[in-house]
């Protein structure tokens, strides 16, 4: 117990010299029209990273004994990492303007590898950290996207979206701290980091939409006076609206007049 209490808690430091990461990226693509309403495109991208940030346990136990037994793990951030990414994308897009039909089908094949998923991830064996080279946590090999929208009648539009992806990787560990570094990330012999795969994922969305007109614009409308007769030979009576005293601030008030009164007033 005294020896445990005298051990300093794990700490994080950085190397005395850190280099700037170097990223190289190249891409190429081609696009071609198949018809007046469909086109296909394909592109490839390659990305390589060098001197990226990664961590090493600078005080790992060797045969159960640390180089400095007075301290625990020392996570040292170094610029010794690397990564790679390759991605091929093929897409078919369709647009029928007259029928208001839009569609897209896209497939992506990719590969992403690195030495650690985060800058603070410790390798299973800090004495041989290159053994952790393997698939990244975001390494999804296959992706499929399908999007389609079209009218179905009565002002209703149907939208469909389908997304599918192959399994993400994960690491199978033994669950034991064999080397005594208090980090439970040991793997069995022959098992690589992120060497196992989970299950594929699929997601489908269906959407029905309809637009409603809440009212026509009143701009430019003319109000027609109401015409009514109380008897077949009775004079026409029309209702007019006249502003009361006060100019523009006055209130509009209805005035009922016969057609003869209106004509005499105008003359």
Protein backbone atom coordinates (compact mmCIF):
# COMPACT_ATOMS: atom_id res chain seq x y z
CA UNK A 1 0.00 0.00 0.00
CA UNK A 2 2.82 2.43 0.80
CA UNK A 3 4.43 1.78 -2.58
CA UNK A 4 1.16 2.48 -4.38
CA UNK A 5 0.63 5.71 -2.48
CA UNK A 6 4.16 6.86 -3.33
CA UNK A 7 3.60 6.33 -7.08
CA UNK A 8 2.78 9.51 -8.96
CA UNK A 9 -0.41 9.45 -10.99
CA UNK A 10 -0.16 9.02 -14.78
CA UNK A 11 0.83 12.20 -16.60
CA UNK A 12 0.79 13.54 -20.15
CA UNK A 13 3.82 15.26 -21.62
CA UNK A 14 4.96 16.18 -25.07
CA UNK A 15 8.22 15.28 -26.76
CA UNK A 16 11.01 17.82 -26.66
CA UNK A 17 10.69 18.34 -30.41
CA UNK A 18 7.46 18.08 -32.38
CA UNK A 19 7.38 18.32 -36.17
CA UNK A 20 4.57 19.75 -38.21
CA UNK A 21 2.38 17.03 -39.75
CA UNK A 22 2.85 16.54 -43.49
CA UNK A 23 -0.26 15.78 -45.55
CA UNK A 24 -0.13 14.74 -49.21
CA UNK A 25 -3.40 14.53 -51.13
CA UNK A 26 -4.20 13.84 -54.76
CA UNK A 27 -7.48 13.33 -56.60
CA UNK A 28 -8.73 12.68 -60.09
CA UNK A 29 -12.25 12.58 -61.49
CA UNK A 30 -14.27 12.23 -64.65
CA UNK A 31 -17.86 13.23 -65.48
CA UNK A 32 -19.94 12.29 -68.51
CA UNK A 33 -23.52 12.96 -69.64
CA UNK A 34 -25.45 9.84 -70.60
CA UNK A 35 -28.67 11.55 -71.74
CA UNK A 36 -30.24 14.99 -71.44
CA UNK A 37 -31.48 14.01 -67.97
CA UNK A 38 -28.76 11.67 -66.60
CA UNK A 39 -25.03 11.88 -65.98
CA UNK A 40 -22.39 9.73 -64.32
CA UNK A 41 -19.23 10.73 -62.51
CA UNK A 42 -16.33 8.91 -60.86
CA UNK A 43 -13.48 10.22 -58.75
CA UNK A 44 -10.60 8.81 -56.73
CA UNK A 45 -8.81 10.47 -53.82
CA UNK A 46 -5.61 9.43 -52.04
CA UNK A 47 -4.45 11.00 -48.77
CA UNK A 48 -1.23 10.28 -46.89
CA UNK A 49 -0.19 11.77 -43.57
CA UNK A 50 3.27 11.72 -42.00
CA UNK A 51 4.61 12.99 -38.67
CA UNK A 52 1.09 13.06 -37.25
CA UNK A 53 0.54 13.18 -33.50
CA UNK A 54 0.43 9.94 -31.53
CA UNK A 55 1.24 8.89 -27.96
CA UNK A 56 3.72 6.45 -26.47
CA UNK A 57 4.02 5.25 -22.90
CA UNK A 58 7.45 6.61 -22.02
CA UNK A 59 7.57 4.61 -18.76
CA UNK A 60 6.30 1.13 -19.71
CA UNK A 61 6.99 -1.88 -17.45
CA UNK A 62 9.65 -4.26 -18.70
CA UNK A 63 9.29 -7.69 -17.10
CA UNK A 64 7.04 -6.06 -14.52
CA UNK A 65 9.47 -3.25 -13.62
CA UNK A 66 9.20 0.32 -14.88
CA UNK A 67 12.29 2.32 -15.86
CA UNK A 68 11.24 4.84 -13.21
CA UNK A 69 9.35 2.90 -10.53
CA UNK A 70 8.47 6.11 -8.69
CA UNK A 71 6.02 7.25 -11.37
CA UNK A 72 3.23 5.60 -13.31
CA UNK A 73 2.47 5.83 -17.00
CA UNK A 74 3.90 8.81 -18.84
CA UNK A 75 1.93 9.48 -22.01
CA UNK A 76 4.35 11.23 -24.31
CA UNK A 77 2.90 12.91 -27.38
CA UNK A 78 5.19 12.53 -30.37
CA UNK A 79 5.04 13.44 -34.04
CA UNK A 80 5.75 9.89 -35.18
CA UNK A 81 2.34 8.84 -36.43
CA UNK A 82 1.12 8.17 -39.93
CA UNK A 83 -2.15 7.57 -41.72
CA UNK A 84 -3.53 6.71 -45.14
CA UNK A 85 -6.87 7.11 -46.87
CA UNK A 86 -8.06 5.87 -50.27
CA UNK A 87 -11.56 6.55 -51.61
CA UNK A 88 -13.30 5.75 -54.89
CA UNK A 89 -16.73 7.25 -55.59
CA UNK A 90 -19.10 6.46 -58.45
CA UNK A 91 -22.40 8.37 -58.78
CA UNK A 92 -25.33 8.42 -61.18
CA UNK A 93 -27.56 11.49 -61.04
CA UNK A 94 -30.89 11.99 -62.82
CA UNK A 95 -33.00 15.11 -63.27
CA UNK A 96 -36.20 15.16 -65.32
CA UNK A 97 -37.19 18.83 -65.24
CA UNK A 98 -40.53 18.56 -67.02
CA UNK A 99 -41.76 15.84 -64.67
CA UNK A 100 -39.96 17.27 -61.61
CA UNK A 101 -38.17 13.97 -60.93
CA UNK A 102 -34.77 14.01 -59.21
CA UNK A 103 -32.67 10.97 -58.34
CA UNK A 104 -29.17 10.07 -57.15
CA UNK A 105 -27.39 6.72 -56.69
CA UNK A 106 -23.87 6.87 -55.23
CA UNK A 107 -21.46 4.10 -54.21
CA UNK A 108 -18.23 4.65 -52.30
CA UNK A 109 -15.37 2.23 -51.70
CA UNK A 110 -12.85 3.34 -49.09
CA UNK A 111 -9.95 2.33 -46.89
CA UNK A 112 -8.59 4.30 -43.94
CA UNK A 113 -5.65 3.17 -41.78
CA UNK A 114 -3.59 4.71 -38.98
CA UNK A 115 -1.53 3.97 -35.87
CA UNK A 116 -4.08 5.34 -33.39
CA UNK A 117 -7.60 6.70 -33.47
CA UNK A 118 -6.75 9.73 -31.27
CA UNK A 119 -3.50 11.55 -30.45
CA UNK A 120 -3.71 10.22 -26.87
CA UNK A 121 -4.35 6.57 -27.75
CA UNK A 122 -1.66 4.34 -26.28
CA UNK A 123 -0.41 1.33 -28.25
CA UNK A 124 -0.80 -2.15 -26.84
CA UNK A 125 2.99 -2.44 -26.71
CA UNK A 126 4.86 0.85 -26.38
CA UNK A 127 8.14 -0.99 -26.95
CA UNK A 128 6.92 -1.95 -30.43
CA UNK A 129 4.28 0.66 -31.34
CA UNK A 130 4.32 -0.06 -35.07
CA UNK A 131 2.28 -3.22 -34.39
CA UNK A 132 -0.80 -0.98 -33.98
CA UNK A 133 -0.90 -0.10 -37.67
CA UNK A 134 -4.36 -1.08 -38.82
CA UNK A 135 -7.84 0.11 -39.84
CA UNK A 136 -9.05 3.40 -38.40
CA UNK A 137 -12.25 3.55 -36.36
CA UNK A 138 -13.92 5.33 -39.32
CA UNK A 139 -12.81 2.68 -41.81
CA UNK A 140 -16.12 1.82 -43.50
CA UNK A 141 -15.30 -0.07 -46.69
CA UNK A 142 -18.60 0.21 -48.54
CA UNK A 143 -21.22 2.96 -48.56
CA UNK A 144 -24.38 3.29 -50.67
CA UNK A 145 -26.62 6.35 -50.99
CA UNK A 146 -29.94 6.43 -52.88
CA UNK A 147 -32.12 9.54 -53.09
CA UNK A 148 -35.29 9.94 -55.15
CA UNK A 149 -38.11 12.49 -55.28
CA UNK A 150 -41.08 12.57 -57.68
CA UNK A 151 -44.71 13.74 -57.85
CA UNK A 152 -47.35 11.07 -57.22
CA UNK A 153 -50.48 13.11 -58.04
CA UNK A 154 -52.87 15.58 -56.39
CA UNK A 155 -49.97 17.90 -55.59
CA UNK A 156 -48.23 15.26 -53.43
CA UNK A 157 -44.52 14.50 -53.76
CA UNK A 158 -42.78 11.33 -52.63
CA UNK A 159 -39.26 11.45 -51.26
CA UNK A 160 -37.13 8.39 -50.52
CA UNK A 161 -33.68 8.24 -48.96
CA UNK A 162 -31.71 5.02 -48.43
CA UNK A 163 -28.28 4.82 -46.80
CA UNK A 164 -26.27 1.67 -46.29
CA UNK A 165 -22.79 1.04 -44.96
CA UNK A 166 -20.67 -2.00 -44.22
CA UNK A 167 -19.49 -2.83 -40.71
CA UNK A 168 -17.20 -0.59 -38.69
CA UNK A 169 -14.07 -2.10 -37.13
CA UNK A 170 -13.35 -2.71 -33.46
CA UNK A 171 -10.54 -4.24 -31.39
CA UNK A 172 -10.81 -7.54 -29.57
CA UNK A 173 -8.79 -7.42 -26.34
CA UNK A 174 -7.99 -10.11 -23.80
CA UNK A 175 -9.36 -8.15 -20.85
CA UNK A 176 -6.16 -8.74 -18.86
CA UNK A 177 -3.32 -6.37 -17.99
CA UNK A 178 -0.51 -8.76 -18.88
CA UNK A 179 2.32 -6.20 -19.04
CA UNK A 180 1.24 -4.43 -15.84
CA UNK A 181 0.92 -0.92 -17.32
CA UNK A 182 -2.66 -0.52 -15.92
CA UNK A 183 -3.99 -0.10 -19.49
CA UNK A 184 -6.27 -2.95 -20.55
CA UNK A 185 -5.62 -2.92 -24.29
CA UNK A 186 -3.63 -6.14 -24.70
CA UNK A 187 -4.55 -8.29 -27.69
CA UNK A 188 -4.10 -11.99 -28.24
CA UNK A 189 -1.26 -13.18 -30.47
CA UNK A 190 -2.09 -12.64 -34.12
CA UNK A 191 -4.97 -10.22 -33.40
CA UNK A 192 -4.52 -6.76 -34.91
CA UNK A 193 -5.94 -3.44 -33.77
CA UNK A 194 -9.44 -2.89 -35.15
CA UNK A 195 -9.20 -6.30 -36.76
CA UNK A 196 -12.83 -7.33 -36.12
CA UNK A 197 -15.96 -6.05 -37.79
CA UNK A 198 -19.45 -5.44 -36.48
CA UNK A 199 -22.68 -5.47 -38.47
CA UNK A 200 -23.72 -3.52 -41.54
CA UNK A 201 -26.14 -0.61 -41.10
CA UNK A 202 -29.12 0.39 -43.24
CA UNK A 203 -31.42 3.38 -42.91
CA UNK A 204 -34.49 4.23 -45.02
CA UNK A 205 -36.59 7.40 -44.91
CA UNK A 206 -39.87 7.96 -46.77
CA UNK A 207 -41.44 11.40 -46.95
CA UNK A 208 -44.74 12.61 -48.43
CA UNK A 209 -45.16 16.36 -48.90
CA UNK A 210 -47.98 18.56 -50.17
CA UNK A 211 -48.10 22.34 -50.49
CA UNK A 212 -51.20 24.32 -49.57
CA UNK A 213 -52.09 27.86 -50.64
CA UNK A 214 -53.31 29.70 -47.54
CA UNK A 215 -54.79 32.61 -49.51
CA UNK A 216 -54.39 34.60 -52.70
CA UNK A 217 -52.61 37.92 -52.64
CA UNK A 218 -54.92 40.93 -52.16
CA UNK A 219 -52.71 43.18 -54.24
CA UNK A 220 -54.56 44.67 -57.18
CA UNK A 221 -58.05 43.56 -56.08
CA UNK A 222 -61.00 45.97 -56.63
CA UNK A 223 -63.97 46.05 -54.31
CA UNK A 224 -67.29 46.19 -56.20
CA UNK A 225 -70.18 48.13 -54.61
CA UNK A 226 -73.07 45.97 -53.49
CA UNK A 227 -76.24 46.43 -55.56
CA UNK A 228 -79.60 45.45 -54.18
CA UNK A 229 -83.31 46.15 -54.69
CA UNK A 230 -86.06 45.84 -52.12
CA UNK A 231 -88.78 45.56 -54.84
CA UNK A 232 -88.90 45.15 -58.66
CA UNK A 233 -89.54 48.88 -59.29
CA UNK A 234 -87.53 50.22 -56.35
CA UNK A 235 -84.51 52.43 -57.14
CA UNK A 236 -81.03 50.88 -57.06
CA UNK A 237 -79.32 51.29 -53.73
CA UNK A 238 -75.54 51.03 -53.51
CA UNK A 239 -73.29 50.98 -50.46
CA UNK A 240 -70.24 53.22 -50.57
CA UNK A 241 -67.55 53.75 -47.94
CA UNK A 242 -66.60 57.31 -47.09
CA UNK A 243 -63.87 58.45 -44.72
CA UNK A 244 -65.13 60.51 -41.82
CA UNK A 245 -63.61 63.70 -40.34
CA UNK A 246 -59.93 63.61 -39.58
CA UNK A 247 -58.43 63.04 -43.03
CA UNK A 248 -56.32 59.90 -43.25
CA UNK A 249 -56.92 59.27 -39.54
CA UNK A 250 -60.72 59.17 -39.91
CA UNK A 251 -62.77 56.00 -39.90
CA UNK A 252 -64.40 54.49 -42.95
CA UNK A 253 -68.24 54.53 -42.66
CA UNK A 254 -70.83 52.97 -45.01
CA UNK A 255 -73.09 55.38 -46.95
CA UNK A 256 -76.23 53.99 -48.63
CA UNK A 257 -77.29 55.97 -51.71
CA UNK A 258 -79.58 55.45 -54.66
CA UNK A 259 -78.15 55.46 -58.14
CA UNK A 260 -79.93 58.79 -58.88
CA UNK A 261 -78.33 60.43 -55.81
CA UNK A 262 -74.88 59.21 -56.93
CA UNK A 263 -75.31 60.57 -60.46
CA UNK A 264 -76.53 63.99 -59.20
CA UNK A 265 -73.61 64.19 -56.78
CA UNK A 266 -71.10 63.46 -59.50
CA UNK A 267 -72.60 66.10 -61.79
